[in-house]
Amino acid sequence: MTYLVAAYAVMWLITFIFVLSMAMRQRRLAAELEALKERLQETKRYGE
């Protein structure tokens, strides 16, 4: 029974780390997308 509890704990830890890393990647991608949008607006504004 102890091994079952330990296995569940490890799986929850792995799941938590995975979800956290995905959230961090999503935040980074959102920031990059926003920077690209701003750059595109600047390019349109100056006609380059």
PDB file of N, CA and C in Angstrom:
ATOM      1  N   MET A   1       0.817  -1.202   0.000  1.00  0.00           N
ATOM      2  CA  MET A   1       0.000   0.000   0.000  1.00  0.00           C
ATOM      3  C   MET A   1       0.859   1.263   0.000  1.00  0.00           C
ATOM      4  N   THR A   2       1.987   1.218   0.666  1.00  0.00           N
ATOM      5  CA  THR A   2       2.882   2.370   0.727  1.00  0.00           C
ATOM      6  C   THR A   2       3.406   2.725  -0.651  1.00  0.00           C
ATOM      7  N   TYR A   3       3.713   1.702  -1.450  1.00  0.00           N
ATOM      8  CA  TYR A   3       4.222   1.949  -2.800  1.00  0.00           C
ATOM      9  C   TYR A   3       3.169   2.598  -3.679  1.00  0.00           C
ATOM     10  N   LEU A   4       1.909   2.231  -3.484  1.00  0.00           N
ATOM     11  CA  LEU A   4       0.818   2.821  -4.254  1.00  0.00           C
ATOM     12  C   LEU A   4       0.690   4.309  -3.945  1.00  0.00           C
ATOM     13  N   VAL A   5       0.747   4.661  -2.693  1.00  0.00           N
ATOM     14  CA  VAL A   5       0.678   6.071  -2.289  1.00  0.00           C
ATOM     15  C   VAL A   5       1.882   6.829  -2.836  1.00  0.00           C
ATOM     16  N   ALA A   6       3.054   6.231  -2.760  1.00  0.00           N
ATOM     17  CA  ALA A   6       4.263   6.877  -3.283  1.00  0.00           C
ATOM     18  C   ALA A   6       4.162   7.062  -4.789  1.00  0.00           C
ATOM     19  N   ALA A   7       3.634   6.075  -5.485  1.00  0.00           N
ATOM     20  CA  ALA A   7       3.481   6.179  -6.936  1.00  0.00           C
ATOM     21  C   ALA A   7       2.515   7.299  -7.298  1.00  0.00           C
ATOM     22  N   TYR A   8       1.404   7.392  -6.598  1.00  0.00           N
ATOM     23  CA  TYR A   8       0.453   8.479  -6.844  1.00  0.00           C
ATOM     24  C   TYR A   8       1.087   9.840  -6.557  1.00  0.00           C
ATOM     25  N   ALA A   9       1.858   9.930  -5.498  1.00  0.00           N
ATOM     26  CA  ALA A   9       2.517  11.190  -5.151  1.00  0.00           C
ATOM     27  C   ALA A   9       3.495  11.600  -6.246  1.00  0.00           C
ATOM     28  N   VAL A  10       4.258  10.645  -6.742  1.00  0.00           N
ATOM     29  CA  VAL A  10       5.215  10.932  -7.808  1.00  0.00           C
ATOM     30  C   VAL A  10       4.487  11.363  -9.078  1.00  0.00           C
ATOM     31  N   MET A  11       3.400  10.675  -9.412  1.00  0.00           N
ATOM     32  CA  MET A  11       2.648  11.028 -10.617  1.00  0.00           C
ATOM     33  C   MET A  11       2.036  12.422 -10.500  1.00  0.00           C
ATOM     34  N   TRP A  12       1.515  12.777  -9.320  1.00  0.00           N
ATOM     35  CA  TRP A  12       0.969  14.117  -9.131  1.00  0.00           C
ATOM     36  C   TRP A  12       2.070  15.170  -9.218  1.00  0.00           C
ATOM     37  N   LEU A  13       3.232  14.866  -8.696  1.00  0.00           N
ATOM     38  CA  LEU A  13       4.351  15.792  -8.776  1.00  0.00           C
ATOM     39  C   LEU A  13       4.766  16.008 -10.223  1.00  0.00           C
ATOM     40  N   ILE A  14       4.874  14.936 -10.985  1.00  0.00           N
ATOM     41  CA  ILE A  14       5.228  15.043 -12.400  1.00  0.00           C
ATOM     42  C   ILE A  14       4.165  15.843 -13.148  1.00  0.00           C
ATOM     43  N   THR A  15       2.898  15.576 -12.863  1.00  0.00           N
ATOM     44  CA  THR A  15       1.809  16.305 -13.515  1.00  0.00           C
ATOM     45  C   THR A  15       1.870  17.792 -13.179  1.00  0.00           C
ATOM     46  N   PHE A  16       2.108  18.112 -11.919  1.00  0.00           N
ATOM     47  CA  PHE A  16       2.201  19.506 -11.497  1.00  0.00           C
ATOM     48  C   PHE A  16       3.353  20.213 -12.198  1.00  0.00           C
ATOM     49  N   ILE A  17       4.501  19.572 -12.265  1.00  0.00           N
ATOM     50  CA  ILE A  17       5.664  20.169 -12.933  1.00  0.00           C
ATOM     51  C   ILE A  17       5.370  20.369 -14.417  1.00  0.00           C
ATOM     52  N   PHE A  18       4.728  19.396 -15.044  1.00  0.00           N
ATOM     53  CA  PHE A  18       4.389  19.504 -16.463  1.00  0.00           C
ATOM     54  C   PHE A  18       3.433  20.670 -16.710  1.00  0.00           C
ATOM     55  N   VAL A  19       2.395  20.779 -15.908  1.00  0.00           N
ATOM     56  CA  VAL A  19       1.420  21.869 -16.078  1.00  0.00           C
ATOM     57  C   VAL A  19       2.087  23.223 -15.828  1.00  0.00           C
ATOM     58  N   LEU A  20       2.939  23.297 -14.839  1.00  0.00           N
ATOM     59  CA  LEU A  20       3.655  24.532 -14.552  1.00  0.00           C
ATOM     60  C   LEU A  20       4.555  24.930 -15.714  1.00  0.00           C
ATOM     61  N   SER A  21       5.263  23.969 -16.288  1.00  0.00           N
ATOM     62  CA  SER A  21       6.146  24.292 -17.418  1.00  0.00           C
ATOM     63  C   SER A  21       5.333  24.723 -18.644  1.00  0.00           C
ATOM     64  N   MET A  22       4.181  24.104 -18.857  1.00  0.00           N
ATOM     65  CA  MET A  22       3.332  24.507 -19.982  1.00  0.00           C
ATOM     66  C   MET A  22       2.797  25.925 -19.784  1.00  0.00           C
ATOM     67  N   ALA A  23       2.447  26.270 -18.556  1.00  0.00           N
ATOM     68  CA  ALA A  23       1.958  27.622 -18.270  1.00  0.00           C
ATOM     69  C   ALA A  23       3.060  28.650 -18.504  1.00  0.00           C
ATOM     70  N   MET A  24       4.275  28.316 -18.115  1.00  0.00           N
ATOM     71  CA  MET A  24       5.392  29.233 -18.329  1.00  0.00           C
ATOM     72  C   MET A  24       5.668  29.412 -19.817  1.00  0.00           C
ATOM     73  N   ARG A  25       5.615  28.321 -20.583  1.00  0.00           N
ATOM     74  CA  ARG A  25       5.818  28.412 -22.036  1.00  0.00           C
ATOM     75  C   ARG A  25       4.731  29.251 -22.684  1.00  0.00           C
ATOM     76  N   GLN A  26       3.487  29.056 -22.236  1.00  0.00           N
ATOM     77  CA  GLN A  26       2.370  29.800 -22.801  1.00  0.00           C
ATOM     78  C   GLN A  26       2.534  31.294 -22.521  1.00  0.00           C
ATOM     79  N   ARG A  27       2.956  31.636 -21.317  1.00  0.00           N
ATOM     80  CA  ARG A  27       3.168  33.041 -20.960  1.00  0.00           C
ATOM     81  C   ARG A  27       4.276  33.649 -21.810  1.00  0.00           C
ATOM     82  N   ARG A  28       5.350  32.878 -22.014  1.00  0.00           N
ATOM     83  CA  ARG A  28       6.470  33.352 -22.834  1.00  0.00           C
ATOM     84  C   ARG A  28       6.036  33.552 -24.290  1.00  0.00           C
ATOM     85  N   LEU A  29       5.252  32.609 -24.813  1.00  0.00           N
ATOM     86  CA  LEU A  29       4.766  32.731 -26.186  1.00  0.00           C
ATOM     87  C   LEU A  29       3.812  33.907 -26.341  1.00  0.00           C
ATOM     88  N   ALA A  30       2.969  34.142 -25.351  1.00  0.00           N
ATOM     89  CA  ALA A  30       2.051  35.282 -25.404  1.00  0.00           C
ATOM     90  C   ALA A  30       2.830  36.595 -25.438  1.00  0.00           C
ATOM     91  N   ALA A  31       3.892  36.692 -24.650  1.00  0.00           N
ATOM     92  CA  ALA A  31       4.721  37.901 -24.642  1.00  0.00           C
ATOM     93  C   ALA A  31       5.421  38.081 -25.986  1.00  0.00           C
ATOM     94  N   GLU A  32       5.901  36.983 -26.560  1.00  0.00           N
ATOM     95  CA  GLU A  32       6.558  37.063 -27.858  1.00  0.00           C
ATOM     96  C   GLU A  32       5.570  37.471 -28.948  1.00  0.00           C
ATOM     97  N   LEU A  33       4.374  36.946 -28.888  1.00  0.00           N
ATOM     98  CA  LEU A  33       3.347  37.305 -29.861  1.00  0.00           C
ATOM     99  C   LEU A  33       3.000  38.778 -29.751  1.00  0.00           C
ATOM    100  N   GLU A  34       2.889  39.285 -28.540  1.00  0.00           N
ATOM    101  CA  GLU A  34       2.590  40.701 -28.340  1.00  0.00           C
ATOM    102  C   GLU A  34       3.713  41.575 -28.899  1.00  0.00           C
ATOM    103  N   ALA A  35       4.956  41.175 -28.689  1.00  0.00           N
ATOM    104  CA  ALA A  35       6.091  41.928 -29.226  1.00  0.00           C
ATOM    105  C   ALA A  35       6.068  41.922 -30.753  1.00  0.00           C
ATOM    106  N   LEU A  36       5.716  40.783 -31.337  1.00  0.00           N
ATOM    107  CA  LEU A  36       5.627  40.718 -32.795  1.00  0.00           C
ATOM    108  C   LEU A  36       4.498  41.595 -33.331  1.00  0.00           C
ATOM    109  N   LYS A  37       3.381  41.637 -32.612  1.00  0.00           N
ATOM    110  CA  LYS A  37       2.272  42.515 -33.023  1.00  0.00           C
ATOM    111  C   LYS A  37       2.700  43.970 -33.000  1.00  0.00           C
ATOM    112  N   GLU A  38       3.399  44.367 -31.934  1.00  0.00           N
ATOM    113  CA  GLU A  38       3.884  45.743 -31.840  1.00  0.00           C
ATOM    114  C   GLU A  38       4.861  46.055 -32.962  1.00  0.00           C
ATOM    115  N   ARG A  39       5.729  45.117 -33.258  1.00  0.00           N
ATOM    116  CA  ARG A  39       6.703  45.318 -34.332  1.00  0.00           C
ATOM    117  C   ARG A  39       6.001  45.458 -35.679  1.00  0.00           C
ATOM    118  N   LEU A  40       4.967  44.672 -35.897  1.00  0.00           N
ATOM    119  CA  LEU A  40       4.205  44.757 -37.140  1.00  0.00           C
ATOM    120  C   LEU A  40       3.493  46.096 -37.239  1.00  0.00           C
ATOM    121  N   GLN A  41       2.937  46.587 -36.129  1.00  0.00           N
ATOM    122  CA  GLN A  41       2.286  47.886 -36.137  1.00  0.00           C
ATOM    123  C   GLN A  41       3.278  48.996 -36.461  1.00  0.00           C
ATOM    124  N   GLU A  42       4.472  48.914 -35.896  1.00  0.00           N
ATOM    125  CA  GLU A  42       5.502  49.912 -36.183  1.00  0.00           C
ATOM    126  C   GLU A  42       5.894  49.879 -37.650  1.00  0.00           C
ATOM    127  N   THR A  43       6.001  48.679 -38.198  1.00  0.00           N
ATOM    128  CA  THR A  43       6.369  48.541 -39.605  1.00  0.00           C
ATOM    129  C   THR A  43       5.284  49.126 -40.500  1.00  0.00           C
ATOM    130  N   LYS A  44       4.032  48.889 -40.170  1.00  0.00           N
ATOM    131  CA  LYS A  44       2.928  49.447 -40.953  1.00  0.00           C
ATOM    132  C   LYS A  44       2.902  50.966 -40.830  1.00  0.00           C
ATOM    133  N   ARG A  45       3.180  51.462 -39.645  1.00  0.00           N
ATOM    134  CA  ARG A  45       3.123  52.894 -39.382  1.00  0.00           C
ATOM    135  C   ARG A  45       4.180  53.648 -40.182  1.00  0.00           C
ATOM    136  N   TYR A  46       5.381  53.090 -40.273  1.00  0.00           N
ATOM    137  CA  TYR A  46       6.464  53.767 -40.957  1.00  0.00           C
ATOM    138  C   TYR A  46       6.630  53.338 -42.398  1.00  0.00           C
ATOM    139  N   GLY A  47       5.838  52.389 -42.846  1.00  0.00           N
ATOM    140  CA  GLY A  47       5.862  51.965 -44.244  1.00  0.00           C
ATOM    141  C   GLY A  47       7.129  51.267 -44.673  1.00  0.00           C
ATOM    142  N   GLU A  48       7.740  50.539 -43.773  1.00  0.00           N
ATOM    143  CA  GLU A  48       8.981  49.837 -44.118  1.00  0.00           C
ATOM    144  C   GLU A  48       8.684  48.440 -44.567  1.00  0.00           C
TER     145      GLU A  48
END
